[in-house]
C-alpha atoms as a PDB file:
ATOM      1  CA  MET A   1      17.607  -5.621  18.814  1.00  0.00           C
ATOM      2  CA  ARG A   2      21.205  -6.490  18.992  1.00  0.00           C
ATOM      3  CA  ARG A   3      20.440  -8.822  15.443  1.00  0.00           C
ATOM      4  CA  PHE A   4      18.973  -5.729  13.574  1.00  0.00           C
ATOM      5  CA  SER A   5      22.012  -3.723  14.696  1.00  0.00           C
ATOM      6  CA  SER A   6      24.562  -6.155  13.235  1.00  0.00           C
ATOM      7  CA  PHE A   7      22.514  -7.137  10.448  1.00  0.00           C
ATOM      8  CA  SER A   8      22.012  -3.031   9.844  1.00  0.00           C
ATOM      9  CA  LYS A   9      26.304  -3.725  10.150  1.00  0.00           C
ATOM     10  CA  ILE A  10      26.885  -6.298   7.295  1.00  0.00           C
ATOM     11  CA  ILE A  11      24.650  -4.439   5.161  1.00  0.00           C
ATOM     12  CA  ILE A  12      25.738  -0.843   5.189  1.00  0.00           C
ATOM     13  CA  THR A  13      29.546  -2.473   4.399  1.00  0.00           C
ATOM     14  CA  PHE A  14      28.275  -4.514   1.865  1.00  0.00           C
ATOM     15  CA  LEU A  15      26.459  -1.344  -0.061  1.00  0.00           C
ATOM     16  CA  VAL A  16      30.375   0.578   1.287  1.00  0.00           C
ATOM     17  CA  LEU A  17      31.730  -2.331  -0.812  1.00  0.00           C
ATOM     18  CA  PHE A  18      29.418  -2.797  -3.623  1.00  0.00           C
ATOM     19  CA  HIS A  19      29.670   1.417  -4.527  1.00  0.00           C
ATOM     20  CA  SER A  20      32.773   0.876  -4.557  1.00  0.00           C
ATOM     21  CA  THR A  21      33.823  -1.698  -7.652  1.00  0.00           C
ATOM     22  CA  ILE A  22      30.753   1.262  -9.813  1.00  0.00           C
ATOM     23  CA  MET A  23      33.553   4.728  -8.033  1.00  0.00           C
ATOM     24  CA  GLY A  24      36.040   5.506  -8.665  1.00  0.00           C
ATOM     25  CA  SER A  25      39.242   4.674  -6.231  1.00  0.00           C
ATOM     26  CA  ASN A  26      39.405   7.429  -5.128  1.00  0.00           C
ATOM     27  CA  ASP A  27      35.829   7.849  -3.606  1.00  0.00           C
ATOM     28  CA  LEU A  28      36.823   4.841  -2.069  1.00  0.00           C
ATOM     29  CA  ILE A  29      39.469   5.996  -0.514  1.00  0.00           C
ATOM     30  CA  GLN A  30      37.915   9.091   0.513  1.00  0.00           C
ATOM     31  CA  LEU A  31      35.705   7.066   1.630  1.00  0.00           C
ATOM     32  CA  SER A  32      37.609   4.752   3.387  1.00  0.00           C
ATOM     33  CA  CYS A  33      39.742   7.401   5.628  1.00  0.00           C
ATOM     34  CA  LYS A  34      36.815   9.576   6.648  1.00  0.00           C
ATOM     35  CA  LYS A  35      34.890   5.884   7.813  1.00  0.00           C
ATOM     36  CA  ALA A  36      38.416   4.865   9.654  1.00  0.00           C
ATOM     37  CA  SER A  37      39.420   8.624  10.849  1.00  0.00           C
ATOM     38  CA  GLN A  38      36.272   8.992  12.758  1.00  0.00           C
ATOM     39  CA  GLY A  39      36.680   5.980  14.183  1.00  0.00           C
ATOM     40  CA  ASP A  40      40.426   7.255  15.513  1.00  0.00           C
ATOM     41  CA  PRO A  41      41.168  10.206  16.689  1.00  0.00           C
ATOM     42  CA  ASN A  42      44.666   9.479  16.212  1.00  0.00           C
ATOM     43  CA  LEU A  43      44.146   9.434  12.638  1.00  0.00           C
ATOM     44  CA  SER A  44      44.225  11.830  10.220  1.00  0.00           C
ATOM     45  CA  TYR A  45      41.853  11.935   7.284  1.00  0.00           C
ATOM     46  CA  LYS A  46      44.205  13.945   5.248  1.00  0.00           C
ATOM     47  CA  PHE A  47      47.341  11.894   5.967  1.00  0.00           C
ATOM     48  CA  CYS A  48      45.114   8.755   5.343  1.00  0.00           C
ATOM     49  CA  VAL A  49      43.951  10.190   1.331  1.00  0.00           C
ATOM     50  CA  SER A  50      47.454  11.327   0.561  1.00  0.00           C
ATOM     51  CA  SER A  51      49.276   8.415   0.950  1.00  0.00           C
ATOM     52  CA  LEU A  52      46.558   5.596  -0.554  1.00  0.00           C
ATOM     53  CA  GLU A  53      46.028   7.564  -3.125  1.00  0.00           C
ATOM     54  CA  ALA A  54      49.789   8.407  -4.489  1.00  0.00           C
ATOM     55  CA  ASN A  55      49.687   4.376  -4.023  1.00  0.00           C
ATOM     56  CA  ALA A  56      47.131   3.307  -5.905  1.00  0.00           C
ATOM     57  CA  LYS A  57      46.943   5.651  -9.176  1.00  0.00           C
ATOM     58  CA  GLY A  58      46.334   3.193 -11.621  1.00  0.00           C
ATOM     59  CA  HIS A  59      44.446   0.395 -10.031  1.00  0.00           C
ATOM     60  CA  SER A  60      40.635  -0.183  -9.626  1.00  0.00           C
ATOM     61  CA  LEU A  61      40.222  -0.768  -6.061  1.00  0.00           C
ATOM     62  CA  ASP A  62      38.349  -1.951  -2.558  1.00  0.00           C
ATOM     63  CA  LEU A  63      39.262  -2.485   1.264  1.00  0.00           C
ATOM     64  CA  GLN A  64      41.006  -5.386   0.992  1.00  0.00           C
ATOM     65  CA  GLU A  65      43.978  -3.590  -1.719  1.00  0.00           C
ATOM     66  CA  LEU A  66      43.413  -1.135   0.316  1.00  0.00           C
ATOM     67  CA  VAL A  67      44.644  -2.577   2.811  1.00  0.00           C
ATOM     68  CA  VAL A  68      47.245  -4.763   0.955  1.00  0.00           C
ATOM     69  CA  ILE A  69      48.292  -1.270  -0.327  1.00  0.00           C
ATOM     70  CA  SER A  70      47.961   0.313   3.547  1.00  0.00           C
ATOM     71  CA  LEU A  71      50.208  -3.344   4.833  1.00  0.00           C
ATOM     72  CA  ASN A  72      53.090  -3.123   1.286  1.00  0.00           C
ATOM     73  CA  LEU A  73      53.812   1.185   2.481  1.00  0.00           C
ATOM     74  CA  THR A  74      54.113   0.442   6.327  1.00  0.00           C
ATOM     75  CA  ILE A  75      56.699  -1.992   5.613  1.00  0.00           C
ATOM     76  CA  ALA A  76      58.687   0.218   3.060  1.00  0.00           C
ATOM     77  CA  ASN A  77      58.124   2.649   5.605  1.00  0.00           C
ATOM     78  CA  ALA A  78      59.531   1.184   8.607  1.00  0.00           C
ATOM     79  CA  THR A  79      62.446   0.174   5.801  1.00  0.00           C
ATOM     80  CA  ASN A  80      62.778   3.621   4.564  1.00  0.00           C
ATOM     81  CA  ILE A  81      63.227   4.176   8.805  1.00  0.00           C
ATOM     82  CA  ASN A  82      65.803   2.361   9.695  1.00  0.00           C
ATOM     83  CA  SER A  83      67.385   3.731   6.640  1.00  0.00           C
ATOM     84  CA  THR A  84      67.461   7.021   8.250  1.00  0.00           C
ATOM     85  CA  ILE A  85      68.470   5.746  11.056  1.00  0.00           C
ATOM     86  CA  SER A  86      71.582   3.672   9.760  1.00  0.00           C
ATOM     87  CA  LYS A  87      72.437   7.370   8.062  1.00  0.00           C
ATOM     88  CA  LEU A  88      71.785   9.549  11.971  1.00  0.00           C
ATOM     89  CA  LEU A  89      74.129   7.111  13.574  1.00  0.00           C
ATOM     90  CA  LYS A  90      76.870   7.835  12.017  1.00  0.00           C
ATOM     91  CA  ASP A  91      75.776  11.640  12.578  1.00  0.00           C
ATOM     92  CA  LYS A  92      78.420  13.051  15.259  1.00  0.00           C
ATOM     93  CA  ALA A  93      75.714  16.206  16.807  1.00  0.00           C
ATOM     94  CA  PHE A  94      74.598  12.900  18.926  1.00  0.00           C
ATOM     95  CA  ASP A  95      76.116  12.390  22.247  1.00  0.00           C
ATOM     96  CA  ASN A  96      75.607   8.111  23.039  1.00  0.00           C
ATOM     97  CA  PHE A  97      72.480   8.391  25.093  1.00  0.00           C
ATOM     98  CA  ALA A  98      71.162   9.810  21.297  1.00  0.00           C
ATOM     99  CA  LYS A  99      72.670   6.731  20.201  1.00  0.00           C
ATOM    100  CA  GLU A 100      71.799   4.432  22.284  1.00  0.00           C
ATOM    101  CA  ARG A 101      68.016   5.153  21.861  1.00  0.00           C
ATOM    102  CA  LEU A 102      68.737   5.067  17.857  1.00  0.00           C
ATOM    103  CA  ARG A 103      70.352   1.255  17.986  1.00  0.00           C
ATOM    104  CA  GLY A 104      66.605   0.399  19.655  1.00  0.00           C
ATOM    105  CA  CYS A 105      65.101   2.139  17.475  1.00  0.00           C
ATOM    106  CA  SER A 106      66.576   0.823  14.740  1.00  0.00           C
ATOM    107  CA  GLU A 107      65.976  -3.036  16.321  1.00  0.00           C
ATOM    108  CA  LEU A 108      61.973  -2.205  16.960  1.00  0.00           C
ATOM    109  CA  TYR A 109      61.442  -1.164  13.132  1.00  0.00           C
ATOM    110  CA  ALA A 110      63.741  -4.248  12.421  1.00  0.00           C
ATOM    111  CA  ASP A 111      61.753  -6.359  14.310  1.00  0.00           C
ATOM    112  CA  ALA A 112      58.648  -4.016  12.699  1.00  0.00           C
ATOM    113  CA  ILE A 113      59.417  -5.915   9.145  1.00  0.00           C
ATOM    114  CA  PRO A 114      58.143  -9.082   9.519  1.00  0.00           C
ATOM    115  CA  THR A 115      55.216  -8.797  11.845  1.00  0.00           C
ATOM    116  CA  LEU A 116      54.099  -6.414   9.676  1.00  0.00           C
ATOM    117  CA  GLN A 117      54.490  -9.362   6.154  1.00  0.00           C
ATOM    118  CA  GLU A 118      53.302 -11.763   9.004  1.00  0.00           C
ATOM    119  CA  ALA A 119      49.815  -9.199   9.518  1.00  0.00           C
ATOM    120  CA  LEU A 120      50.205  -8.991   5.625  1.00  0.00           C
ATOM    121  CA  CYS A 121      50.218 -13.231   5.010  1.00  0.00           C
ATOM    122  CA  ALA A 122      47.326 -13.392   8.029  1.00  0.00           C
ATOM    123  CA  PHE A 123      45.198 -10.630   6.074  1.00  0.00           C
ATOM    124  CA  GLN A 124      45.470 -12.504   3.085  1.00  0.00           C
ATOM    125  CA  SER A 125      44.258 -15.440   3.956  1.00  0.00           C
ATOM    126  CA  LYS A 126      41.741 -14.100   5.485  1.00  0.00           C
ATOM    127  CA  ASP A 127      42.599 -14.205   9.067  1.00  0.00           C
ATOM    128  CA  PHE A 128      41.686 -10.584  10.255  1.00  0.00           C
ATOM    129  CA  ALA A 129      42.768 -11.101  13.974  1.00  0.00           C
ATOM    130  CA  LYS A 130      45.852 -12.265  13.621  1.00  0.00           C
ATOM    131  CA  ALA A 131      46.042 -10.118  11.580  1.00  0.00           C
ATOM    132  CA  ASN A 132      45.207  -7.101  13.736  1.00  0.00           C
ATOM    133  CA  ILE A 133      47.033  -8.100  16.711  1.00  0.00           C
ATOM    134  CA  GLU A 134      50.552  -8.368  13.767  1.00  0.00           C
ATOM    135  CA  VAL A 135      49.986  -4.877  12.972  1.00  0.00           C
ATOM    136  CA  SER A 136      48.939  -3.729  16.105  1.00  0.00           C
ATOM    137  CA  SER A 137      52.313  -4.923  17.761  1.00  0.00           C
ATOM    138  CA  ALA A 138      54.475  -3.489  15.421  1.00  0.00           C
ATOM    139  CA  MET A 139      52.811   0.299  15.836  1.00  0.00           C
ATOM    140  CA  ASP A 140      54.417  -0.295  19.240  1.00  0.00           C
ATOM    141  CA  ALA A 141      57.311   0.873  17.381  1.00  0.00           C
ATOM    142  CA  SER A 142      56.483   4.269  17.303  1.00  0.00           C
ATOM    143  CA  SER A 143      55.512   4.671  20.416  1.00  0.00           C
ATOM    144  CA  THR A 144      58.231   2.919  21.172  1.00  0.00           C
ATOM    145  CA  CYS A 145      60.479   4.408  19.858  1.00  0.00           C
ATOM    146  CA  GLU A 146      59.816   8.187  20.938  1.00  0.00           C
ATOM    147  CA  ASP A 147      59.852   7.085  24.250  1.00  0.00           C
ATOM    148  CA  GLY A 148      62.659   6.204  24.365  1.00  0.00           C
ATOM    149  CA  PHE A 149      64.408  10.017  23.952  1.00  0.00           C
ATOM    150  CA  LYS A 150      61.549  10.957  26.717  1.00  0.00           C
ATOM    151  CA  GLU A 151      63.968   9.536  29.120  1.00  0.00           C
ATOM    152  CA  LYS A 152      66.385  12.068  28.923  1.00  0.00           C
ATOM    153  CA  LYS A 153      65.255  15.966  30.494  1.00  0.00           C
ATOM    154  CA  GLY A 154      64.988  18.139  27.368  1.00  0.00           C
ATOM    155  CA  GLU A 155      65.891  15.600  24.613  1.00  0.00           C
ATOM    156  CA  VAL A 156      63.841  15.748  21.417  1.00  0.00           C
ATOM    157  CA  SER A 157      63.717  12.856  18.959  1.00  0.00           C
ATOM    158  CA  PRO A 158      65.161  13.003  15.307  1.00  0.00           C
ATOM    159  CA  LEU A 159      62.724  10.263  14.806  1.00  0.00           C
ATOM    160  CA  ARG A 160      59.335  12.768  15.516  1.00  0.00           C
ATOM    161  CA  LYS A 161      57.686  12.938  12.393  1.00  0.00           C
ATOM    162  CA  GLU A 162      59.241   9.669  11.187  1.00  0.00           C
ATOM    163  CA  ASN A 163      57.794   7.776  14.462  1.00  0.00           C
ATOM    164  CA  ASP A 164      54.569   9.701  13.206  1.00  0.00           C
ATOM    165  CA  VAL A 165      53.768   8.424  10.214  1.00  0.00           C
ATOM    166  CA  PHE A 166      54.921   4.762  10.816  1.00  0.00           C
ATOM    167  CA  PHE A 167      51.846   5.479  13.531  1.00  0.00           C
ATOM    168  CA  GLN A 168      49.240   6.889  11.158  1.00  0.00           C
ATOM    169  CA  LEU A 169      50.359   4.131   8.254  1.00  0.00           C
ATOM    170  CA  ASN A 170      49.672   1.143  10.812  1.00  0.00           C
ATOM    171  CA  ALA A 171      46.473   2.857  11.559  1.00  0.00           C
ATOM    172  CA  ILE A 172      45.360   3.094   8.586  1.00  0.00           C
ATOM    173  CA  SER A 173      45.982  -0.334   8.229  1.00  0.00           C
ATOM    174  CA  LEU A 174      44.329  -1.502  11.234  1.00  0.00           C
ATOM    175  CA  ALA A 175      40.722   0.657  10.998  1.00  0.00           C
ATOM    176  CA  PHE A 176      40.211  -0.962   7.232  1.00  0.00           C
ATOM    177  CA  ILE A 177      41.410  -4.421   8.946  1.00  0.00           C
ATOM    178  CA  ASN A 178      38.634  -3.847  11.993  1.00  0.00           C
ATOM    179  CA  THR A 179      35.878  -2.887   8.882  1.00  0.00           C
ATOM    180  CA  LEU A 180      36.181  -5.763   6.929  1.00  0.00           C
ATOM    181  CA  ALA A 181      36.651  -7.829  10.067  1.00  0.00           C
ATOM    182  CA  SER A 182      32.854  -6.375  11.121  1.00  0.00           C
ATOM    183  CA  ILE A 183      31.294  -7.762   7.847  1.00  0.00           C
END
């Protein structure tokens, strides 16, 4: 029975990948995002689709290319968050506690960038397990950053939206990598 289950997964994944060469990139994105969001309650289907469709225009895609696009989006997002943090650190409205947390977040995101670049290299080398570990590690930046602000009662993270977007982008990459790893 277990063989049939593994065989069924392989056939279904093959059909999805084969079908993706016939259908348009938007169809592949929607199908892949639907599968990913069904497997992860923290992943928003709408966010997944809108992020990928906006960055995949003009490409004929397969799932591997979607992983590359999602990883590159995540790297760019971490870079943008660091830029946002630099601007926030110059804002006199933040007290020492908030600025210290922002500096901590900056370090987390600065570390996440090369980690995600490693994930991309591992993925392109078909080392899906290493890619998964690296993306999971980078993903922690968002929750660790957010948690830092919770250490002071009533403190609200000025990076809540950015942390959520970063988390979602990592979740997309992980879901797609895991789909390919199960083939």
